Amino acid sequence: MDESRKAGNSTITVAPKNPSSVSLPEKTSLNSLHLVGGGLTPKQVKGGPVVGTDDIPLERLPKHTTSTALEDHISPSNGPEMTPWQEKLYLAACCLCLSVAGWNDGTIGPLLPKIQEYYHIGYTVVSLLFVTGCTGVLCGATCNVYLSDKLGFGKLITAAAALQIATYAAMAPAPPFGVLCFVYFVNGFALSLQVRA
């Protein structure tokens, strides 16, 4: 990353990675610069002022300009400003997503007696629904950063919502218990991808 420093009428661009890209005022030669620590540092410019960092007021020195990928990604300048209507829509979508997550987790408890009766199983076996759902959530939480980088946030959240719809549709006709456990695993996976947003 290039840094420009001004002192008087002179501008010196310091480019640590590529010394040949240093732009100097017309009266300045490369002899007026010396190498320090792998980078070019200004020295005495002929016919002009001393342009070392000690002679430049702090407010004129460039600010720390390096940024992480995360700062670049979440920077508010990356897109257009949201209108108040769009903000309300986004908030409503977030609330709906979390309501569905709570509904998903809260409905299995009251349905346990009916599930046991329909499948003719006891408490120990029916608890596999909780175990497989939890395993799905843990797998989704482990994979969400990789999948988000690979697919992008929008595609990932849409795919997770589609997976949730498919799992709820697969639960409705009361499939065999082994299939129901697998469906709870996939549902937990999709739900963790939805909730992490």
N, C-alpha and C. Protein backbone atom coordinates (compact mmCIF):
# COMPACT_ATOMS: atom_id res chain seq x y z
N MET A 1 0.85 -1.17 0.00
CA MET A 1 0.00 0.00 0.00
C MET A 1 0.90 1.23 0.00
N ASP A 2 0.64 2.17 -0.91
CA ASP A 2 1.46 3.36 -1.03
C ASP A 2 1.08 4.38 0.02
N GLU A 3 2.07 5.15 0.46
CA GLU A 3 1.83 6.25 1.39
C GLU A 3 2.37 7.51 0.75
N SER A 4 1.62 8.57 0.81
CA SER A 4 2.09 9.85 0.30
C SER A 4 2.34 10.77 1.47
N ARG A 5 3.48 11.49 1.44
CA ARG A 5 3.82 12.43 2.50
C ARG A 5 4.16 13.75 1.83
N LYS A 6 3.64 14.83 2.37
CA LYS A 6 3.89 16.15 1.81
C LYS A 6 4.65 16.99 2.82
N ALA A 7 5.58 17.76 2.31
CA ALA A 7 6.31 18.72 3.12
C ALA A 7 6.64 19.89 2.21
N GLY A 8 6.07 21.03 2.46
CA GLY A 8 6.29 22.18 1.60
C GLY A 8 5.67 21.92 0.24
N ASN A 9 6.47 22.04 -0.82
CA ASN A 9 5.99 21.79 -2.17
C ASN A 9 6.38 20.41 -2.67
N SER A 10 6.98 19.59 -1.83
CA SER A 10 7.48 18.29 -2.26
C SER A 10 6.52 17.19 -1.83
N THR A 11 6.32 16.21 -2.69
CA THR A 11 5.53 15.02 -2.37
C THR A 11 6.39 13.81 -2.66
N ILE A 12 6.49 12.93 -1.72
CA ILE A 12 7.24 11.70 -1.91
C ILE A 12 6.30 10.55 -1.63
N THR A 13 6.21 9.61 -2.56
CA THR A 13 5.39 8.42 -2.38
C THR A 13 6.31 7.28 -1.99
N VAL A 14 6.02 6.66 -0.88
CA VAL A 14 6.84 5.56 -0.38
C VAL A 14 6.12 4.27 -0.70
N ALA A 15 6.75 3.41 -1.47
CA ALA A 15 6.16 2.13 -1.87
C ALA A 15 7.11 1.02 -1.46
N PRO A 16 6.94 0.44 -0.26
CA PRO A 16 7.88 -0.55 0.24
C PRO A 16 8.02 -1.78 -0.65
N LYS A 17 6.98 -2.16 -1.35
CA LYS A 17 7.02 -3.39 -2.12
C LYS A 17 7.74 -3.20 -3.47
N ASN A 18 7.61 -2.02 -4.10
CA ASN A 18 8.12 -1.83 -5.43
C ASN A 18 8.83 -0.48 -5.53
N PRO A 19 10.15 -0.43 -5.29
CA PRO A 19 10.87 0.84 -5.29
C PRO A 19 10.81 1.58 -6.62
N SER A 20 10.61 0.88 -7.74
CA SER A 20 10.58 1.55 -9.03
C SER A 20 9.31 2.37 -9.23
N SER A 21 8.30 2.17 -8.39
CA SER A 21 7.05 2.92 -8.55
C SER A 21 7.01 4.20 -7.71
N VAL A 22 8.15 4.59 -7.12
CA VAL A 22 8.20 5.78 -6.29
C VAL A 22 8.14 7.00 -7.20
N SER A 23 7.15 7.89 -6.96
CA SER A 23 7.07 9.11 -7.75
C SER A 23 7.65 10.25 -6.94
N LEU A 24 8.56 11.00 -7.55
CA LEU A 24 9.26 12.08 -6.86
C LEU A 24 9.02 13.39 -7.60
N PRO A 25 9.18 14.51 -6.92
CA PRO A 25 9.12 15.79 -7.62
C PRO A 25 10.21 15.87 -8.68
N GLU A 26 10.06 16.78 -9.61
CA GLU A 26 10.99 16.89 -10.74
C GLU A 26 12.43 17.10 -10.31
N LYS A 27 12.68 17.87 -9.27
CA LYS A 27 14.05 18.20 -8.86
C LYS A 27 14.68 17.12 -8.00
N THR A 28 13.95 16.06 -7.67
CA THR A 28 14.45 15.06 -6.74
C THR A 28 15.01 13.86 -7.50
N SER A 29 16.13 13.35 -7.03
CA SER A 29 16.70 12.14 -7.62
C SER A 29 16.58 11.01 -6.60
N LEU A 30 16.81 9.80 -7.07
CA LEU A 30 16.75 8.66 -6.17
C LEU A 30 17.86 8.71 -5.13
N ASN A 31 18.90 9.52 -5.36
CA ASN A 31 19.97 9.64 -4.38
C ASN A 31 19.48 10.32 -3.11
N SER A 32 18.36 11.04 -3.19
CA SER A 32 17.85 11.73 -2.01
C SER A 32 17.02 10.79 -1.12
N LEU A 33 16.91 9.55 -1.52
CA LEU A 33 16.19 8.56 -0.72
C LEU A 33 17.16 7.49 -0.28
N HIS A 34 16.92 6.89 0.85
CA HIS A 34 17.73 5.76 1.27
C HIS A 34 16.83 4.64 1.76
N LEU A 35 17.34 3.43 1.67
CA LEU A 35 16.56 2.26 2.06
C LEU A 35 16.71 1.99 3.54
N VAL A 36 15.58 1.79 4.21
CA VAL A 36 15.58 1.44 5.63
C VAL A 36 14.58 0.31 5.80
N GLY A 37 15.02 -0.81 6.29
CA GLY A 37 14.12 -1.92 6.60
C GLY A 37 13.34 -2.42 5.40
N GLY A 38 13.91 -2.41 4.23
CA GLY A 38 13.23 -2.94 3.06
C GLY A 38 12.33 -1.93 2.39
N GLY A 39 12.18 -0.72 2.92
CA GLY A 39 11.33 0.28 2.32
C GLY A 39 12.09 1.55 2.07
N LEU A 40 11.55 2.43 1.28
CA LEU A 40 12.20 3.70 0.99
C LEU A 40 11.78 4.72 2.03
N THR A 41 12.74 5.46 2.55
CA THR A 41 12.46 6.50 3.52
C THR A 41 13.01 7.81 2.98
N PRO A 42 12.23 8.91 3.07
CA PRO A 42 12.71 10.17 2.52
C PRO A 42 13.90 10.71 3.30
N LYS A 43 14.81 11.35 2.54
CA LYS A 43 15.99 11.97 3.12
C LYS A 43 15.96 13.45 2.74
N GLN A 44 17.06 14.05 2.50
CA GLN A 44 17.13 15.47 2.11
C GLN A 44 16.81 15.61 0.62
N VAL A 45 15.81 16.42 0.30
CA VAL A 45 15.48 16.71 -1.09
C VAL A 45 16.29 17.93 -1.49
N LYS A 46 17.02 17.83 -2.61
CA LYS A 46 17.88 18.94 -3.05
C LYS A 46 17.03 20.15 -3.38
N GLY A 47 17.42 21.29 -2.84
CA GLY A 47 16.71 22.52 -3.13
C GLY A 47 15.40 22.64 -2.39
N GLY A 48 15.13 21.75 -1.45
CA GLY A 48 13.85 21.79 -0.74
C GLY A 48 14.05 21.47 0.72
N PRO A 49 12.96 21.35 1.46
CA PRO A 49 13.07 21.10 2.89
C PRO A 49 13.41 19.65 3.19
N VAL A 50 13.78 19.41 4.41
CA VAL A 50 14.01 18.04 4.87
C VAL A 50 12.64 17.38 5.01
N VAL A 51 12.51 16.22 4.43
CA VAL A 51 11.19 15.57 4.44
C VAL A 51 11.21 14.27 5.21
N GLY A 52 11.93 14.22 6.30
CA GLY A 52 11.89 13.07 7.18
C GLY A 52 10.62 13.11 8.02
N THR A 53 10.28 12.01 8.65
CA THR A 53 9.04 11.96 9.43
C THR A 53 9.09 12.86 10.64
N ASP A 54 10.30 13.22 11.11
CA ASP A 54 10.39 14.10 12.27
C ASP A 54 9.95 15.53 11.94
N ASP A 55 10.08 15.92 10.67
CA ASP A 55 9.78 17.29 10.27
C ASP A 55 8.34 17.47 9.79
N ILE A 56 7.57 16.39 9.71
CA ILE A 56 6.19 16.49 9.24
C ILE A 56 5.27 16.47 10.45
N PRO A 57 4.38 17.46 10.56
CA PRO A 57 3.44 17.43 11.69
C PRO A 57 2.60 16.15 11.68
N LEU A 58 2.26 15.65 12.87
CA LEU A 58 1.53 14.39 12.97
C LEU A 58 0.22 14.40 12.21
N GLU A 59 -0.49 15.54 12.20
CA GLU A 59 -1.77 15.56 11.52
C GLU A 59 -1.63 15.43 10.01
N ARG A 60 -0.42 15.64 9.48
CA ARG A 60 -0.21 15.51 8.04
C ARG A 60 0.27 14.13 7.64
N LEU A 61 0.68 13.31 8.61
CA LEU A 61 1.09 11.95 8.30
C LEU A 61 -0.16 11.12 7.97
N PRO A 62 -0.05 10.17 7.05
CA PRO A 62 -1.22 9.34 6.73
C PRO A 62 -1.63 8.50 7.93
N LYS A 63 -2.92 8.34 8.05
CA LYS A 63 -3.44 7.50 9.13
C LYS A 63 -3.20 6.03 8.77
N HIS A 64 -3.31 5.16 9.76
CA HIS A 64 -3.18 3.73 9.55
C HIS A 64 -4.24 3.30 8.55
N THR A 65 -3.82 2.84 7.38
CA THR A 65 -4.78 2.58 6.32
C THR A 65 -5.02 1.12 6.04
N THR A 66 -4.34 0.23 6.74
CA THR A 66 -4.59 -1.18 6.48
C THR A 66 -5.91 -1.57 7.13
N SER A 67 -6.64 -2.44 6.46
CA SER A 67 -7.92 -2.92 7.00
C SER A 67 -8.01 -4.41 6.76
N THR A 68 -8.75 -5.05 7.59
CA THR A 68 -8.93 -6.48 7.43
C THR A 68 -10.04 -6.75 6.43
N ALA A 69 -10.12 -7.99 5.99
CA ALA A 69 -11.17 -8.37 5.05
C ALA A 69 -12.54 -8.20 5.69
N LEU A 70 -12.62 -8.45 6.99
CA LEU A 70 -13.90 -8.30 7.68
C LEU A 70 -14.35 -6.85 7.68
N GLU A 71 -13.41 -5.90 7.93
CA GLU A 71 -13.79 -4.50 7.90
C GLU A 71 -14.25 -4.09 6.51
N ASP A 72 -13.58 -4.60 5.47
CA ASP A 72 -13.99 -4.28 4.11
C ASP A 72 -15.37 -4.86 3.81
N HIS A 73 -15.64 -6.06 4.36
CA HIS A 73 -16.90 -6.74 4.09
C HIS A 73 -18.08 -6.04 4.77
N ILE A 74 -17.88 -5.55 6.00
CA ILE A 74 -19.00 -4.97 6.73
C ILE A 74 -19.03 -3.46 6.67
N SER A 75 -18.18 -2.89 5.86
CA SER A 75 -18.13 -1.44 5.77
C SER A 75 -19.47 -0.90 5.27
N PRO A 76 -20.01 0.15 5.90
CA PRO A 76 -21.30 0.67 5.47
C PRO A 76 -21.23 1.30 4.08
N SER A 77 -20.05 1.58 3.57
CA SER A 77 -19.95 2.20 2.26
C SER A 77 -19.99 1.18 1.13
N ASN A 78 -20.14 -0.13 1.45
CA ASN A 78 -20.15 -1.14 0.41
C ASN A 78 -21.43 -1.14 -0.41
N GLY A 79 -22.49 -0.58 0.07
CA GLY A 79 -23.74 -0.60 -0.67
C GLY A 79 -24.54 0.66 -0.42
N PRO A 80 -25.67 0.76 -1.10
CA PRO A 80 -26.50 1.94 -0.90
C PRO A 80 -27.14 1.94 0.49
N GLU A 81 -27.48 3.11 0.96
CA GLU A 81 -28.15 3.23 2.25
C GLU A 81 -29.52 2.57 2.18
N MET A 82 -29.94 1.95 3.29
CA MET A 82 -31.26 1.34 3.34
C MET A 82 -32.27 2.40 3.75
N THR A 83 -33.42 2.30 3.17
CA THR A 83 -34.51 3.20 3.55
C THR A 83 -35.13 2.69 4.84
N PRO A 84 -35.86 3.51 5.57
CA PRO A 84 -36.52 3.04 6.79
C PRO A 84 -37.47 1.87 6.51
N TRP A 85 -38.11 1.88 5.35
CA TRP A 85 -39.02 0.77 5.01
C TRP A 85 -38.23 -0.52 4.85
N GLN A 86 -37.07 -0.48 4.21
CA GLN A 86 -36.24 -1.67 4.04
C GLN A 86 -35.72 -2.16 5.39
N GLU A 87 -35.35 -1.25 6.27
CA GLU A 87 -34.88 -1.65 7.59
C GLU A 87 -35.97 -2.39 8.35
N LYS A 88 -37.21 -1.90 8.26
CA LYS A 88 -38.33 -2.57 8.92
C LYS A 88 -38.58 -3.95 8.31
N LEU A 89 -38.44 -4.06 7.00
CA LEU A 89 -38.62 -5.35 6.33
C LEU A 89 -37.56 -6.35 6.78
N TYR A 90 -36.30 -5.91 6.86
CA TYR A 90 -35.22 -6.77 7.31
C TYR A 90 -35.44 -7.20 8.77
N LEU A 91 -35.87 -6.29 9.61
CA LEU A 91 -36.14 -6.62 11.00
C LEU A 91 -37.27 -7.63 11.12
N ALA A 92 -38.33 -7.45 10.32
CA ALA A 92 -39.45 -8.40 10.33
C ALA A 92 -39.01 -9.78 9.86
N ALA A 93 -38.15 -9.84 8.83
CA ALA A 93 -37.65 -11.13 8.34
C ALA A 93 -36.81 -11.82 9.41
N CYS A 94 -35.99 -11.05 10.11
CA CYS A 94 -35.17 -11.62 11.19
C CYS A 94 -36.04 -12.16 12.32
N CYS A 95 -37.06 -11.38 12.70
CA CYS A 95 -37.97 -11.83 13.77
C CYS A 95 -38.73 -13.09 13.35
N LEU A 96 -39.16 -13.16 12.08
CA LEU A 96 -39.86 -14.34 11.59
C LEU A 96 -38.94 -15.56 11.62
N CYS A 97 -37.70 -15.38 11.21
CA CYS A 97 -36.74 -16.49 11.20
C CYS A 97 -36.53 -17.03 12.62
N LEU A 98 -36.35 -16.14 13.57
CA LEU A 98 -36.13 -16.59 14.95
C LEU A 98 -37.40 -17.16 15.57
N SER A 99 -38.56 -16.67 15.16
CA SER A 99 -39.82 -17.25 15.63
C SER A 99 -39.99 -18.68 15.13
N VAL A 100 -39.64 -18.90 13.86
CA VAL A 100 -39.72 -20.26 13.31
C VAL A 100 -38.73 -21.17 14.04
N ALA A 101 -37.54 -20.65 14.35
CA ALA A 101 -36.56 -21.46 15.09
C ALA A 101 -37.10 -21.85 16.46
N GLY A 102 -37.71 -20.90 17.14
CA GLY A 102 -38.30 -21.22 18.45
C GLY A 102 -39.48 -22.17 18.33
N TRP A 103 -40.28 -21.98 17.31
CA TRP A 103 -41.42 -22.86 17.07
C TRP A 103 -40.92 -24.27 16.77
N ASN A 104 -39.88 -24.37 15.98
CA ASN A 104 -39.30 -25.66 15.64
C ASN A 104 -38.85 -26.39 16.90
N ASP A 105 -38.14 -25.69 17.78
CA ASP A 105 -37.63 -26.33 18.98
C ASP A 105 -38.71 -26.61 20.01
N GLY A 106 -39.75 -25.79 20.01
CA GLY A 106 -40.79 -25.94 21.03
C GLY A 106 -41.89 -26.93 20.71
N THR A 107 -42.03 -27.32 19.45
CA THR A 107 -43.16 -28.19 19.10
C THR A 107 -42.90 -29.67 19.35
N ILE A 108 -41.67 -30.09 19.38
CA ILE A 108 -41.41 -31.52 19.54
C ILE A 108 -41.79 -32.02 20.94
N GLY A 109 -41.62 -31.19 21.94
CA GLY A 109 -41.95 -31.61 23.31
C GLY A 109 -43.41 -32.02 23.48
N PRO A 110 -44.37 -31.17 23.11
CA PRO A 110 -45.78 -31.57 23.24
C PRO A 110 -46.18 -32.73 22.33
N LEU A 111 -45.41 -32.94 21.25
CA LEU A 111 -45.76 -34.03 20.33
C LEU A 111 -45.16 -35.38 20.73
N LEU A 112 -44.30 -35.41 21.75
CA LEU A 112 -43.65 -36.67 22.13
C LEU A 112 -44.64 -37.80 22.45
N PRO A 113 -45.69 -37.55 23.22
CA PRO A 113 -46.61 -38.67 23.48
C PRO A 113 -47.23 -39.24 22.20
N LYS A 114 -47.60 -38.39 21.26
CA LYS A 114 -48.17 -38.87 20.00
C LYS A 114 -47.14 -39.59 19.14
N ILE A 115 -45.90 -39.09 19.16
CA ILE A 115 -44.83 -39.75 18.40
C ILE A 115 -44.57 -41.13 18.98
N GLN A 116 -44.53 -41.24 20.30
CA GLN A 116 -44.32 -42.55 20.93
C GLN A 116 -45.45 -43.50 20.62
N GLU A 117 -46.66 -43.00 20.65
CA GLU A 117 -47.83 -43.84 20.37
C GLU A 117 -47.83 -44.30 18.91
N TYR A 118 -47.53 -43.40 17.99
CA TYR A 118 -47.59 -43.73 16.56
C TYR A 118 -46.49 -44.72 16.18
N TYR A 119 -45.27 -44.51 16.67
CA TYR A 119 -44.14 -45.35 16.29
C TYR A 119 -43.92 -46.52 17.26
N HIS A 120 -44.68 -46.59 18.35
CA HIS A 120 -44.56 -47.66 19.34
C HIS A 120 -43.12 -47.74 19.89
N ILE A 121 -42.64 -46.62 20.39
CA ILE A 121 -41.28 -46.54 20.93
C ILE A 121 -41.33 -45.90 22.31
N GLY A 122 -40.26 -46.08 23.08
CA GLY A 122 -40.19 -45.52 24.43
C GLY A 122 -39.43 -44.20 24.45
N TYR A 123 -39.22 -43.72 25.69
CA TYR A 123 -38.53 -42.43 25.86
C TYR A 123 -37.10 -42.46 25.33
N THR A 124 -36.43 -43.57 25.53
CA THR A 124 -35.03 -43.66 25.13
C THR A 124 -34.88 -43.53 23.62
N VAL A 125 -35.71 -44.23 22.90
CA VAL A 125 -35.59 -44.19 21.43
C VAL A 125 -36.09 -42.86 20.87
N VAL A 126 -37.16 -42.32 21.43
CA VAL A 126 -37.68 -41.05 20.91
C VAL A 126 -36.70 -39.91 21.17
N SER A 127 -35.83 -40.08 22.15
CA SER A 127 -34.84 -39.04 22.42
C SER A 127 -33.82 -38.92 21.29
N LEU A 128 -33.77 -39.90 20.40
CA LEU A 128 -32.89 -39.80 19.23
C LEU A 128 -33.27 -38.60 18.36
N LEU A 129 -34.51 -38.17 18.41
CA LEU A 129 -34.90 -36.98 17.65
C LEU A 129 -34.13 -35.76 18.16
N PHE A 130 -34.00 -35.65 19.47
CA PHE A 130 -33.24 -34.54 20.04
C PHE A 130 -31.75 -34.66 19.70
N VAL A 131 -31.23 -35.88 19.79
CA VAL A 131 -29.81 -36.10 19.53
C VAL A 131 -29.47 -35.79 18.07
N THR A 132 -30.29 -36.28 17.14
CA THR A 132 -30.00 -36.03 15.73
C THR A 132 -30.20 -34.55 15.38
N GLY A 133 -31.20 -33.92 15.97
CA GLY A 133 -31.39 -32.48 15.74
C GLY A 133 -30.21 -31.67 16.25
N CYS A 134 -29.72 -32.01 17.43
CA CYS A 134 -28.56 -31.33 18.01
C CYS A 134 -27.31 -31.57 17.17
N THR A 135 -27.14 -32.79 16.69
CA THR A 135 -25.99 -33.10 15.84
C THR A 135 -26.05 -32.29 14.54
N GLY A 136 -27.23 -32.13 13.99
CA GLY A 136 -27.39 -31.30 12.79
C GLY A 136 -27.03 -29.85 13.05
N VAL A 137 -27.44 -29.33 14.19
CA VAL A 137 -27.11 -27.94 14.54
C VAL A 137 -25.59 -27.78 14.69
N LEU A 138 -24.94 -28.74 15.35
CA LEU A 138 -23.48 -28.66 15.52
C LEU A 138 -22.75 -28.75 14.18
N CYS A 139 -23.21 -29.62 13.30
CA CYS A 139 -22.58 -29.73 11.98
C CYS A 139 -22.80 -28.45 11.17
N GLY A 140 -23.99 -27.89 11.23
CA GLY A 140 -24.27 -26.64 10.53
C GLY A 140 -23.43 -25.50 11.06
N ALA A 141 -23.29 -25.44 12.38
CA ALA A 141 -22.47 -24.38 12.98
C ALA A 141 -21.01 -24.53 12.59
N THR A 142 -20.55 -25.76 12.43
CA THR A 142 -19.17 -26.00 12.03
C THR A 142 -18.94 -25.63 10.57
N CYS A 143 -19.92 -25.88 9.73
CA CYS A 143 -19.75 -25.67 8.28
C CYS A 143 -20.18 -24.29 7.80
N ASN A 144 -20.84 -23.49 8.62
CA ASN A 144 -21.46 -22.27 8.08
C ASN A 144 -20.47 -21.26 7.54
N VAL A 145 -19.30 -21.10 8.14
CA VAL A 145 -18.33 -20.11 7.63
C VAL A 145 -17.80 -20.57 6.27
N TYR A 146 -17.45 -21.84 6.16
CA TYR A 146 -16.96 -22.36 4.88
C TYR A 146 -18.03 -22.23 3.80
N LEU A 147 -19.26 -22.63 4.12
CA LEU A 147 -20.33 -22.56 3.12
C LEU A 147 -20.66 -21.12 2.75
N SER A 148 -20.60 -20.23 3.71
CA SER A 148 -20.86 -18.82 3.42
C SER A 148 -19.81 -18.25 2.49
N ASP A 149 -18.55 -18.62 2.69
CA ASP A 149 -17.49 -18.17 1.79
C ASP A 149 -17.63 -18.79 0.41
N LYS A 150 -18.04 -20.05 0.36
CA LYS A 150 -18.13 -20.77 -0.90
C LYS A 150 -19.34 -20.34 -1.72
N LEU A 151 -20.52 -20.25 -1.08
CA LEU A 151 -21.76 -19.95 -1.80
C LEU A 151 -22.14 -18.48 -1.77
N GLY A 152 -21.72 -17.79 -0.74
CA GLY A 152 -22.18 -16.42 -0.54
C GLY A 152 -23.35 -16.43 0.43
N PHE A 153 -23.49 -15.31 1.16
CA PHE A 153 -24.49 -15.25 2.22
C PHE A 153 -25.91 -15.42 1.69
N GLY A 154 -26.25 -14.73 0.62
CA GLY A 154 -27.61 -14.77 0.08
C GLY A 154 -28.02 -16.15 -0.38
N LYS A 155 -27.14 -16.82 -1.11
CA LYS A 155 -27.45 -18.17 -1.60
C LYS A 155 -27.55 -19.15 -0.44
N LEU A 156 -26.66 -19.00 0.53
CA LEU A 156 -26.65 -19.92 1.66
C LEU A 156 -27.93 -19.80 2.49
N ILE A 157 -28.34 -18.58 2.77
CA ILE A 157 -29.52 -18.40 3.61
C ILE A 157 -30.78 -18.84 2.87
N THR A 158 -30.80 -18.65 1.54
CA THR A 158 -31.93 -19.11 0.74
C THR A 158 -31.97 -20.64 0.69
N ALA A 159 -30.82 -21.26 0.51
CA ALA A 159 -30.76 -22.72 0.50
C ALA A 159 -31.16 -23.30 1.86
N ALA A 160 -30.74 -22.65 2.94
CA ALA A 160 -31.11 -23.13 4.28
C ALA A 160 -32.61 -23.02 4.50
N ALA A 161 -33.22 -21.93 4.03
CA ALA A 161 -34.67 -21.79 4.16
C ALA A 161 -35.39 -22.85 3.33
N ALA A 162 -34.89 -23.13 2.13
CA ALA A 162 -35.50 -24.16 1.29
C ALA A 162 -35.36 -25.54 1.95
N LEU A 163 -34.21 -25.79 2.57
CA LEU A 163 -34.03 -27.06 3.29
C LEU A 163 -35.01 -27.19 4.46
N GLN A 164 -35.24 -26.09 5.16
CA GLN A 164 -36.20 -26.15 6.26
C GLN A 164 -37.60 -26.45 5.74
N ILE A 165 -38.00 -25.83 4.67
CA ILE A 165 -39.32 -26.10 4.09
C ILE A 165 -39.42 -27.57 3.69
N ALA A 166 -38.35 -28.09 3.06
CA ALA A 166 -38.36 -29.50 2.64
C ALA A 166 -38.44 -30.44 3.84
N THR A 167 -37.75 -30.11 4.92
CA THR A 167 -37.80 -31.00 6.09
C THR A 167 -39.17 -30.97 6.76
N TYR A 168 -39.78 -29.80 6.84
CA TYR A 168 -41.12 -29.74 7.42
C TYR A 168 -42.12 -30.51 6.55
N ALA A 169 -41.95 -30.42 5.23
CA ALA A 169 -42.82 -31.18 4.32
C ALA A 169 -42.59 -32.68 4.47
N ALA A 170 -41.34 -33.08 4.72
CA ALA A 170 -41.04 -34.50 4.90
C ALA A 170 -41.54 -35.03 6.24
N MET A 171 -41.65 -34.18 7.26
CA MET A 171 -42.16 -34.60 8.57
C MET A 171 -43.67 -34.80 8.56
N ALA A 172 -44.36 -34.07 7.73
CA ALA A 172 -45.83 -34.05 7.76
C ALA A 172 -46.48 -35.42 7.54
N PRO A 173 -46.02 -36.23 6.59
CA PRO A 173 -46.70 -37.52 6.38
C PRO A 173 -46.26 -38.62 7.35
N ALA A 174 -45.50 -38.31 8.38
CA ALA A 174 -45.02 -39.28 9.38
C ALA A 174 -44.25 -40.42 8.72
N PRO A 175 -43.04 -40.13 8.24
CA PRO A 175 -42.22 -41.18 7.61
C PRO A 175 -41.74 -42.17 8.66
N PRO A 176 -41.08 -43.25 8.23
CA PRO A 176 -40.51 -44.19 9.21
C PRO A 176 -39.58 -43.45 10.18
N PHE A 177 -39.41 -44.01 11.37
CA PHE A 177 -38.70 -43.29 12.43
C PHE A 177 -37.25 -42.97 12.05
N GLY A 178 -36.57 -43.87 11.37
CA GLY A 178 -35.19 -43.61 10.94
C GLY A 178 -35.13 -42.42 9.98
N VAL A 179 -36.09 -42.33 9.08
CA VAL A 179 -36.16 -41.19 8.15
C VAL A 179 -36.46 -39.91 8.92
N LEU A 180 -37.34 -40.02 9.92
CA LEU A 180 -37.68 -38.86 10.73
C LEU A 180 -36.45 -38.33 11.48
N CYS A 181 -35.61 -39.24 11.98
CA CYS A 181 -34.37 -38.82 12.65
C CYS A 181 -33.45 -38.10 11.67
N PHE A 182 -33.33 -38.64 10.45
CA PHE A 182 -32.49 -37.99 9.44
C PHE A 182 -33.06 -36.61 9.08
N VAL A 183 -34.37 -36.52 8.98
CA VAL A 183 -35.01 -35.24 8.66
C VAL A 183 -34.74 -34.23 9.78
N TYR A 184 -34.75 -34.68 11.03
CA TYR A 184 -34.43 -33.77 12.13
C TYR A 184 -32.96 -33.32 12.07
N PHE A 185 -32.08 -34.21 11.62
CA PHE A 185 -30.67 -33.82 11.44
C PHE A 185 -30.55 -32.71 10.39
N VAL A 186 -31.19 -32.90 9.24
CA VAL A 186 -31.13 -31.91 8.16
C VAL A 186 -31.80 -30.61 8.61
N ASN A 187 -32.89 -30.74 9.35
CA ASN A 187 -33.59 -29.55 9.85
C ASN A 187 -32.69 -28.77 10.82
N GLY A 188 -32.00 -29.46 11.70
CA GLY A 188 -31.08 -28.78 12.61
C GLY A 188 -29.94 -28.12 11.87
N PHE A 189 -29.44 -28.77 10.83
CA PHE A 189 -28.37 -28.20 10.00
C PHE A 189 -28.85 -26.89 9.36
N ALA A 190 -30.03 -26.94 8.73
CA ALA A 190 -30.56 -25.75 8.06
C ALA A 190 -30.89 -24.66 9.05
N LEU A 191 -31.42 -25.05 10.18
CA LEU A 191 -31.80 -24.06 11.20
C LEU A 191 -30.56 -23.33 11.74
N SER A 192 -29.47 -24.05 11.92
CA SER A 192 -28.26 -23.38 12.42
C SER A 192 -27.71 -22.40 11.38
N LEU A 193 -27.85 -22.72 10.11
CA LEU A 193 -27.41 -21.79 9.06
C LEU A 193 -28.29 -20.54 9.04
N GLN A 194 -29.59 -20.73 9.32
CA GLN A 194 -30.52 -19.59 9.35
C GLN A 194 -30.27 -18.70 10.56
N VAL A 195 -30.08 -19.30 11.71
CA VAL A 195 -29.98 -18.54 12.94
C VAL A 195 -28.64 -17.80 13.04
N ARG A 196 -27.60 -18.32 12.43
CA ARG A 196 -26.28 -17.68 12.53
C ARG A 196 -26.25 -16.32 11.86
N ALA A 197 -27.19 -16.04 11.00
CA ALA A 197 -27.22 -14.72 10.34
C ALA A 197 -27.62 -13.71 11.35
